[in-house]
Amino acid sequence: MQIKVMTKKRQECYLGIFNKIDCIEDRIMEIKEQLASLKEGFSNTDNLEVCVDEIEAEKALLEIMSEASIGALLDTEPQGDA
């Protein structure tokens, strides 16, 4: 009887973990889409004067934002049951 209780608790724990992973994956996909949108906005400079240093700085900033967003997401403590 005790074994069945442990496995049920374990299943509930795993289910909670899988739900959290799903939420994290969804958030990562949202961040990827936002970053892709930003990249597209930065690359649409057809009619503007091109400054290579400025473009490189913007790319570096975009990379930093990407890493920071993912890092912040992973460092966030879970809230609630999900």
PDB file of N, CA and C in Angstrom:
ATOM      1  N   MET A   1       0.826  -1.197   0.000  1.00  0.00           N
ATOM      2  CA  MET A   1       0.000   0.000   0.000  1.00  0.00           C
ATOM      3  C   MET A   1       0.865   1.253   0.000  1.00  0.00           C
ATOM      4  N   GLN A   2       1.917   1.263   0.779  1.00  0.00           N
ATOM      5  CA  GLN A   2       2.777   2.429   0.857  1.00  0.00           C
ATOM      6  C   GLN A   2       3.487   2.681  -0.476  1.00  0.00           C
ATOM      7  N   ILE A   3       3.819   1.624  -1.206  1.00  0.00           N
ATOM      8  CA  ILE A   3       4.474   1.767  -2.492  1.00  0.00           C
ATOM      9  C   ILE A   3       3.565   2.490  -3.483  1.00  0.00           C
ATOM     10  N   LYS A   4       2.274   2.161  -3.494  1.00  0.00           N
ATOM     11  CA  LYS A   4       1.332   2.815  -4.390  1.00  0.00           C
ATOM     12  C   LYS A   4       1.203   4.297  -4.071  1.00  0.00           C
ATOM     13  N   VAL A   5       1.221   4.641  -2.790  1.00  0.00           N
ATOM     14  CA  VAL A   5       1.133   6.040  -2.385  1.00  0.00           C
ATOM     15  C   VAL A   5       2.366   6.791  -2.850  1.00  0.00           C
ATOM     16  N   MET A   6       3.526   6.189  -2.708  1.00  0.00           N
ATOM     17  CA  MET A   6       4.758   6.840  -3.135  1.00  0.00           C
ATOM     18  C   MET A   6       4.774   7.063  -4.637  1.00  0.00           C
ATOM     19  N   THR A   7       4.327   6.072  -5.387  1.00  0.00           N
ATOM     20  CA  THR A   7       4.333   6.238  -6.830  1.00  0.00           C
ATOM     21  C   THR A   7       3.328   7.301  -7.265  1.00  0.00           C
ATOM     22  N   LYS A   8       2.194   7.394  -6.584  1.00  0.00           N
ATOM     23  CA  LYS A   8       1.219   8.425  -6.924  1.00  0.00           C
ATOM     24  C   LYS A   8       1.802   9.807  -6.629  1.00  0.00           C
ATOM     25  N   LYS A   9       2.472   9.956  -5.489  1.00  0.00           N
ATOM     26  CA  LYS A   9       3.100  11.236  -5.151  1.00  0.00           C
ATOM     27  C   LYS A   9       4.190  11.565  -6.154  1.00  0.00           C
ATOM     28  N   ARG A  10       4.944  10.542  -6.538  1.00  0.00           N
ATOM     29  CA  ARG A  10       6.012  10.732  -7.504  1.00  0.00           C
ATOM     30  C   ARG A  10       5.442  11.167  -8.855  1.00  0.00           C
ATOM     31  N   GLN A  11       4.343  10.541  -9.260  1.00  0.00           N
ATOM     32  CA  GLN A  11       3.700  10.901 -10.522  1.00  0.00           C
ATOM     33  C   GLN A  11       3.209  12.343 -10.493  1.00  0.00           C
ATOM     34  N   GLU A  12       2.633  12.750  -9.369  1.00  0.00           N
ATOM     35  CA  GLU A  12       2.163  14.127  -9.229  1.00  0.00           C
ATOM     36  C   GLU A  12       3.338  15.098  -9.301  1.00  0.00           C
ATOM     37  N   CYS A  13       4.438  14.722  -8.674  1.00  0.00           N
ATOM     38  CA  CYS A  13       5.633  15.566  -8.696  1.00  0.00           C
ATOM     39  C   CYS A  13       6.158  15.701 -10.122  1.00  0.00           C
ATOM     40  N   TYR A  14       6.258  14.560 -10.816  1.00  0.00           N
ATOM     41  CA  TYR A  14       6.737  14.592 -12.194  1.00  0.00           C
ATOM     42  C   TYR A  14       5.799  15.392 -13.092  1.00  0.00           C
ATOM     43  N   LEU A  15       4.504  15.252 -12.877  1.00  0.00           N
ATOM     44  CA  LEU A  15       3.538  15.999 -13.661  1.00  0.00           C
ATOM     45  C   LEU A  15       3.729  17.501 -13.460  1.00  0.00           C
ATOM     46  N   GLY A  16       3.952  17.897 -12.221  1.00  0.00           N
ATOM     47  CA  GLY A  16       4.208  19.309 -11.928  1.00  0.00           C
ATOM     48  C   GLY A  16       5.471  19.795 -12.611  1.00  0.00           C
ATOM     49  N   ILE A  17       6.509  18.973 -12.580  1.00  0.00           N
ATOM     50  CA  ILE A  17       7.773  19.344 -13.226  1.00  0.00           C
ATOM     51  C   ILE A  17       7.572  19.468 -14.733  1.00  0.00           C
ATOM     52  N   PHE A  18       6.879  18.514 -15.331  1.00  0.00           N
ATOM     53  CA  PHE A  18       6.641  18.565 -16.776  1.00  0.00           C
ATOM     54  C   PHE A  18       5.805  19.780 -17.157  1.00  0.00           C
ATOM     55  N   ASN A  19       4.840  20.136 -16.329  1.00  0.00           N
ATOM     56  CA  ASN A  19       4.040  21.332 -16.594  1.00  0.00           C
ATOM     57  C   ASN A  19       4.906  22.585 -16.550  1.00  0.00           C
ATOM     58  N   LYS A  20       5.815  22.659 -15.580  1.00  0.00           N
ATOM     59  CA  LYS A  20       6.716  23.810 -15.491  1.00  0.00           C
ATOM     60  C   LYS A  20       7.624  23.876 -16.704  1.00  0.00           C
ATOM     61  N   ILE A  21       8.121  22.716 -17.138  1.00  0.00           N
ATOM     62  CA  ILE A  21       8.977  22.675 -18.331  1.00  0.00           C
ATOM     63  C   ILE A  21       8.200  23.155 -19.550  1.00  0.00           C
ATOM     64  N   ASP A  22       6.947  22.746 -19.676  1.00  0.00           N
ATOM     65  CA  ASP A  22       6.114  23.204 -20.789  1.00  0.00           C
ATOM     66  C   ASP A  22       5.956  24.716 -20.764  1.00  0.00           C
ATOM     67  N   CYS A  23       5.735  25.284 -19.582  1.00  0.00           N
ATOM     68  CA  CYS A  23       5.592  26.735 -19.460  1.00  0.00           C
ATOM     69  C   CYS A  23       6.889  27.439 -19.852  1.00  0.00           C
ATOM     70  N   ILE A  24       8.012  26.888 -19.428  1.00  0.00           N
ATOM     71  CA  ILE A  24       9.311  27.460 -19.774  1.00  0.00           C
ATOM     72  C   ILE A  24       9.524  27.398 -21.283  1.00  0.00           C
ATOM     73  N   GLU A  25       9.202  26.263 -21.893  1.00  0.00           N
ATOM     74  CA  GLU A  25       9.345  26.126 -23.351  1.00  0.00           C
ATOM     75  C   GLU A  25       8.471  27.138 -24.083  1.00  0.00           C
ATOM     76  N   ASP A  26       7.249  27.331 -23.619  1.00  0.00           N
ATOM     77  CA  ASP A  26       6.352  28.316 -24.242  1.00  0.00           C
ATOM     78  C   ASP A  26       6.942  29.714 -24.145  1.00  0.00           C
ATOM     79  N   ARG A  27       7.467  30.055 -22.985  1.00  0.00           N
ATOM     80  CA  ARG A  27       8.050  31.386 -22.791  1.00  0.00           C
ATOM     81  C   ARG A  27       9.293  31.569 -23.661  1.00  0.00           C
ATOM     82  N   ILE A  28      10.107  30.532 -23.780  1.00  0.00           N
ATOM     83  CA  ILE A  28      11.296  30.606 -24.635  1.00  0.00           C
ATOM     84  C   ILE A  28      10.876  30.836 -26.086  1.00  0.00           C
ATOM     85  N   MET A  29       9.834  30.171 -26.531  1.00  0.00           N
ATOM     86  CA  MET A  29       9.354  30.371 -27.906  1.00  0.00           C
ATOM     87  C   MET A  29       8.862  31.804 -28.104  1.00  0.00           C
ATOM     88  N   GLU A  30       8.171  32.358 -27.102  1.00  0.00           N
ATOM     89  CA  GLU A  30       7.726  33.748 -27.196  1.00  0.00           C
ATOM     90  C   GLU A  30       8.922  34.688 -27.312  1.00  0.00           C
ATOM     91  N   ILE A  31       9.945  34.443 -26.501  1.00  0.00           N
ATOM     92  CA  ILE A  31      11.142  35.279 -26.527  1.00  0.00           C
ATOM     93  C   ILE A  31      11.835  35.158 -27.877  1.00  0.00           C
ATOM     94  N   LYS A  32      11.926  33.930 -28.419  1.00  0.00           N
ATOM     95  CA  LYS A  32      12.540  33.732 -29.735  1.00  0.00           C
ATOM     96  C   LYS A  32      11.789  34.525 -30.805  1.00  0.00           C
ATOM     97  N   GLU A  33      10.471  34.493 -30.756  1.00  0.00           N
ATOM     98  CA  GLU A  33       9.672  35.227 -31.737  1.00  0.00           C
ATOM     99  C   GLU A  33       9.900  36.731 -31.605  1.00  0.00           C
ATOM    100  N   GLN A  34       9.967  37.224 -30.375  1.00  0.00           N
ATOM    101  CA  GLN A  34      10.217  38.646 -30.160  1.00  0.00           C
ATOM    102  C   GLN A  34      11.601  39.037 -30.671  1.00  0.00           C
ATOM    103  N   LEU A  35      12.594  38.195 -30.414  1.00  0.00           N
ATOM    104  CA  LEU A  35      13.949  38.475 -30.882  1.00  0.00           C
ATOM    105  C   LEU A  35      14.016  38.440 -32.406  1.00  0.00           C
ATOM    106  N   ALA A  36      13.310  37.498 -33.023  1.00  0.00           N
ATOM    107  CA  ALA A  36      13.281  37.436 -34.488  1.00  0.00           C
ATOM    108  C   ALA A  36      12.657  38.706 -35.051  1.00  0.00           C
ATOM    109  N   SER A  37      11.615  39.190 -34.394  1.00  0.00           N
ATOM    110  CA  SER A  37      10.976  40.428 -34.822  1.00  0.00           C
ATOM    111  C   SER A  37      11.938  41.604 -34.698  1.00  0.00           C
ATOM    112  N   LEU A  38      12.674  41.653 -33.612  1.00  0.00           N
ATOM    113  CA  LEU A  38      13.660  42.719 -33.427  1.00  0.00           C
ATOM    114  C   LEU A  38      14.758  42.635 -34.485  1.00  0.00           C
ATOM    115  N   LYS A  39      15.238  41.422 -34.747  1.00  0.00           N
ATOM    116  CA  LYS A  39      16.273  41.250 -35.773  1.00  0.00           C
ATOM    117  C   LYS A  39      15.769  41.726 -37.129  1.00  0.00           C
ATOM    118  N   GLU A  40      14.534  41.378 -37.438  1.00  0.00           N
ATOM    119  CA  GLU A  40      13.960  41.800 -38.715  1.00  0.00           C
ATOM    120  C   GLU A  40      13.866  43.321 -38.784  1.00  0.00           C
ATOM    121  N   GLY A  41      13.486  43.933 -37.682  1.00  0.00           N
ATOM    122  CA  GLY A  41      13.410  45.397 -37.632  1.00  0.00           C
ATOM    123  C   GLY A  41      14.767  46.044 -37.816  1.00  0.00           C
ATOM    124  N   PHE A  42      15.802  45.433 -37.262  1.00  0.00           N
ATOM    125  CA  PHE A  42      17.148  45.973 -37.403  1.00  0.00           C
ATOM    126  C   PHE A  42      17.684  45.774 -38.819  1.00  0.00           C
ATOM    127  N   SER A  43      17.250  44.713 -39.468  1.00  0.00           N
ATOM    128  CA  SER A  43      17.778  44.434 -40.804  1.00  0.00           C
ATOM    129  C   SER A  43      17.054  45.210 -41.900  1.00  0.00           C
ATOM    130  N   ASN A  44      15.922  45.816 -41.599  1.00  0.00           N
ATOM    131  CA  ASN A  44      15.182  46.603 -42.591  1.00  0.00           C
ATOM    132  C   ASN A  44      15.697  48.037 -42.633  1.00  0.00           C
ATOM    133  N   THR A  45      16.920  48.201 -43.053  1.00  0.00           N
ATOM    134  CA  THR A  45      17.537  49.525 -43.122  1.00  0.00           C
ATOM    135  C   THR A  45      17.928  49.845 -44.554  1.00  0.00           C
ATOM    136  N   ASP A  46      17.089  49.477 -45.518  1.00  0.00           N
ATOM    137  CA  ASP A  46      17.403  49.650 -46.929  1.00  0.00           C
ATOM    138  C   ASP A  46      17.626  51.115 -47.315  1.00  0.00           C
ATOM    139  N   ASN A  47      16.806  52.004 -46.803  1.00  0.00           N
ATOM    140  CA  ASN A  47      16.882  53.405 -47.212  1.00  0.00           C
ATOM    141  C   ASN A  47      17.706  54.268 -46.267  1.00  0.00           C
ATOM    142  N   LEU A  48      18.310  53.666 -45.269  1.00  0.00           N
ATOM    143  CA  LEU A  48      19.068  54.427 -44.297  1.00  0.00           C
ATOM    144  C   LEU A  48      20.556  54.290 -44.554  1.00  0.00           C
ATOM    145  N   GLU A  49      21.281  55.258 -44.087  1.00  0.00           N
ATOM    146  CA  GLU A  49      22.739  55.190 -44.170  1.00  0.00           C
ATOM    147  C   GLU A  49      23.222  54.069 -43.259  1.00  0.00           C
ATOM    148  N   VAL A  50      24.145  53.272 -43.753  1.00  0.00           N
ATOM    149  CA  VAL A  50      24.612  52.114 -43.005  1.00  0.00           C
ATOM    150  C   VAL A  50      25.909  52.459 -42.293  1.00  0.00           C
ATOM    151  N   CYS A  51      25.902  52.238 -40.991  1.00  0.00           N
ATOM    152  CA  CYS A  51      27.100  52.415 -40.173  1.00  0.00           C
ATOM    153  C   CYS A  51      27.422  51.046 -39.583  1.00  0.00           C
ATOM    154  N   VAL A  52      28.512  50.461 -40.036  1.00  0.00           N
ATOM    155  CA  VAL A  52      28.864  49.103 -39.639  1.00  0.00           C
ATOM    156  C   VAL A  52      29.030  48.997 -38.128  1.00  0.00           C
ATOM    157  N   ASP A  53      29.660  49.974 -37.505  1.00  0.00           N
ATOM    158  CA  ASP A  53      29.857  49.939 -36.052  1.00  0.00           C
ATOM    159  C   ASP A  53      28.525  49.930 -35.313  1.00  0.00           C
ATOM    160  N   GLU A  54      27.585  50.727 -35.791  1.00  0.00           N
ATOM    161  CA  GLU A  54      26.275  50.782 -35.143  1.00  0.00           C
ATOM    162  C   GLU A  54      25.542  49.443 -35.285  1.00  0.00           C
ATOM    163  N   ILE A  55      25.623  48.849 -36.456  1.00  0.00           N
ATOM    164  CA  ILE A  55      24.971  47.553 -36.677  1.00  0.00           C
ATOM    165  C   ILE A  55      25.601  46.490 -35.790  1.00  0.00           C
ATOM    166  N   GLU A  56      26.910  46.468 -35.693  1.00  0.00           N
ATOM    167  CA  GLU A  56      27.585  45.492 -34.837  1.00  0.00           C
ATOM    168  C   GLU A  56      27.203  45.700 -33.375  1.00  0.00           C
ATOM    169  N   ALA A  57      27.102  46.952 -32.948  1.00  0.00           N
ATOM    170  CA  ALA A  57      26.711  47.249 -31.568  1.00  0.00           C
ATOM    171  C   ALA A  57      25.278  46.775 -31.305  1.00  0.00           C
ATOM    172  N   GLU A  58      24.391  46.976 -32.269  1.00  0.00           N
ATOM    173  CA  GLU A  58      23.011  46.534 -32.109  1.00  0.00           C
ATOM    174  C   GLU A  58      22.922  45.009 -32.070  1.00  0.00           C
ATOM    175  N   LYS A  59      23.718  44.340 -32.892  1.00  0.00           N
ATOM    176  CA  LYS A  59      23.748  42.877 -32.866  1.00  0.00           C
ATOM    177  C   LYS A  59      24.252  42.380 -31.513  1.00  0.00           C
ATOM    178  N   ALA A  60      25.295  43.020 -30.988  1.00  0.00           N
ATOM    179  CA  ALA A  60      25.827  42.633 -29.682  1.00  0.00           C
ATOM    180  C   ALA A  60      24.781  42.862 -28.598  1.00  0.00           C
ATOM    181  N   LEU A  61      24.080  43.976 -28.665  1.00  0.00           N
ATOM    182  CA  LEU A  61      23.019  44.273 -27.701  1.00  0.00           C
ATOM    183  C   LEU A  61      21.906  43.242 -27.786  1.00  0.00           C
ATOM    184  N   LEU A  62      21.535  42.863 -28.991  1.00  0.00           N
ATOM    185  CA  LEU A  62      20.498  41.854 -29.186  1.00  0.00           C
ATOM    186  C   LEU A  62      20.919  40.514 -28.590  1.00  0.00           C
ATOM    187  N   GLU A  63      22.165  40.141 -28.769  1.00  0.00           N
ATOM    188  CA  GLU A  63      22.676  38.890 -28.207  1.00  0.00           C
ATOM    189  C   GLU A  63      22.661  38.946 -26.677  1.00  0.00           C
ATOM    190  N   ILE A  64      23.056  40.070 -26.114  1.00  0.00           N
ATOM    191  CA  ILE A  64      23.042  40.235 -24.654  1.00  0.00           C
ATOM    192  C   ILE A  64      21.615  40.138 -24.131  1.00  0.00           C
ATOM    193  N   MET A  65      20.674  40.786 -24.827  1.00  0.00           N
ATOM    194  CA  MET A  65      19.270  40.737 -24.416  1.00  0.00           C
ATOM    195  C   MET A  65      18.755  39.306 -24.467  1.00  0.00           C
ATOM    196  N   SER A  66      19.139  38.574 -25.489  1.00  0.00           N
ATOM    197  CA  SER A  66      18.710  37.186 -25.623  1.00  0.00           C
ATOM    198  C   SER A  66      19.224  36.346 -24.457  1.00  0.00           C
ATOM    199  N   GLU A  67      20.501  36.458 -24.167  1.00  0.00           N
ATOM    200  CA  GLU A  67      21.085  35.694 -23.071  1.00  0.00           C
ATOM    201  C   GLU A  67      20.487  36.091 -21.726  1.00  0.00           C
ATOM    202  N   ALA A  68      20.284  37.385 -21.527  1.00  0.00           N
ATOM    203  CA  ALA A  68      19.729  37.866 -20.265  1.00  0.00           C
ATOM    204  C   ALA A  68      18.287  37.390 -20.082  1.00  0.00           C
ATOM    205  N   SER A  69      17.517  37.409 -21.161  1.00  0.00           N
ATOM    206  CA  SER A  69      16.119  36.974 -21.078  1.00  0.00           C
ATOM    207  C   SER A  69      16.027  35.508 -20.705  1.00  0.00           C
ATOM    208  N   ILE A  70      16.813  34.692 -21.365  1.00  0.00           N
ATOM    209  CA  ILE A  70      16.789  33.262 -21.079  1.00  0.00           C
ATOM    210  C   ILE A  70      17.332  32.996 -19.682  1.00  0.00           C
ATOM    211  N   GLY A  71      18.408  33.698 -19.303  1.00  0.00           N
ATOM    212  CA  GLY A  71      18.968  33.531 -17.965  1.00  0.00           C
ATOM    213  C   GLY A  71      17.983  33.927 -16.883  1.00  0.00           C
ATOM    214  N   ALA A  72      17.285  35.032 -17.100  1.00  0.00           N
ATOM    215  CA  ALA A  72      16.296  35.489 -16.117  1.00  0.00           C
ATOM    216  C   ALA A  72      15.143  34.504 -16.017  1.00  0.00           C
ATOM    217  N   LEU A  73      14.761  33.943 -17.135  1.00  0.00           N
ATOM    218  CA  LEU A  73      13.680  32.964 -17.136  1.00  0.00           C
ATOM    219  C   LEU A  73      14.075  31.722 -16.352  1.00  0.00           C
ATOM    220  N   LEU A  74      15.293  31.275 -16.536  1.00  0.00           N
ATOM    221  CA  LEU A  74      15.748  30.081 -15.833  1.00  0.00           C
ATOM    222  C   LEU A  74      15.993  30.328 -14.351  1.00  0.00           C
ATOM    223  N   ASP A  75      16.316  31.572 -13.983  1.00  0.00           N
ATOM    224  CA  ASP A  75      16.578  31.894 -12.577  1.00  0.00           C
ATOM    225  C   ASP A  75      15.311  32.201 -11.801  1.00  0.00           C
ATOM    226  N   THR A  76      14.197  32.369 -12.490  1.00  0.00           N
ATOM    227  CA  THR A  76      12.935  32.711 -11.842  1.00  0.00           C
ATOM    228  C   THR A  76      12.433  31.539 -11.022  1.00  0.00           C
ATOM    229  N   GLU A  77      12.067  31.832  -9.782  1.00  0.00           N
ATOM    230  CA  GLU A  77      11.497  30.810  -8.913  1.00  0.00           C
ATOM    231  C   GLU A  77      10.072  30.513  -9.351  1.00  0.00           C
ATOM    232  N   PRO A  78       9.681  29.262  -9.379  1.00  0.00           N
ATOM    233  CA  PRO A  78       8.308  28.931  -9.778  1.00  0.00           C
ATOM    234  C   PRO A  78       7.296  29.485  -8.779  1.00  0.00           C
ATOM    235  N   GLN A  79       6.152  29.875  -9.310  1.00  0.00           N
ATOM    236  CA  GLN A  79       5.101  30.426  -8.470  1.00  0.00           C
ATOM    237  C   GLN A  79       3.848  29.601  -8.675  1.00  0.00           C
ATOM    238  N   GLY A  80       3.148  29.340  -7.626  1.00  0.00           N
ATOM    239  CA  GLY A  80       1.901  28.605  -7.724  1.00  0.00           C
ATOM    240  C   GLY A  80       2.137  27.119  -7.914  1.00  0.00           C
ATOM    241  N   ASP A  81       1.121  26.435  -8.413  1.00  0.00           N
ATOM    242  CA  ASP A  81       1.178  24.992  -8.589  1.00  0.00           C
ATOM    243  C   ASP A  81       1.777  24.583  -9.920  1.00  0.00           C
ATOM    244  N   ALA A  82       1.793  25.472 -10.894  1.00  0.00           N
ATOM    245  CA  ALA A  82       2.278  25.116 -12.232  1.00  0.00           C
ATOM    246  C   ALA A  82       3.757  25.248 -12.343  1.00  0.00           C
TER     247      ALA A  82
END
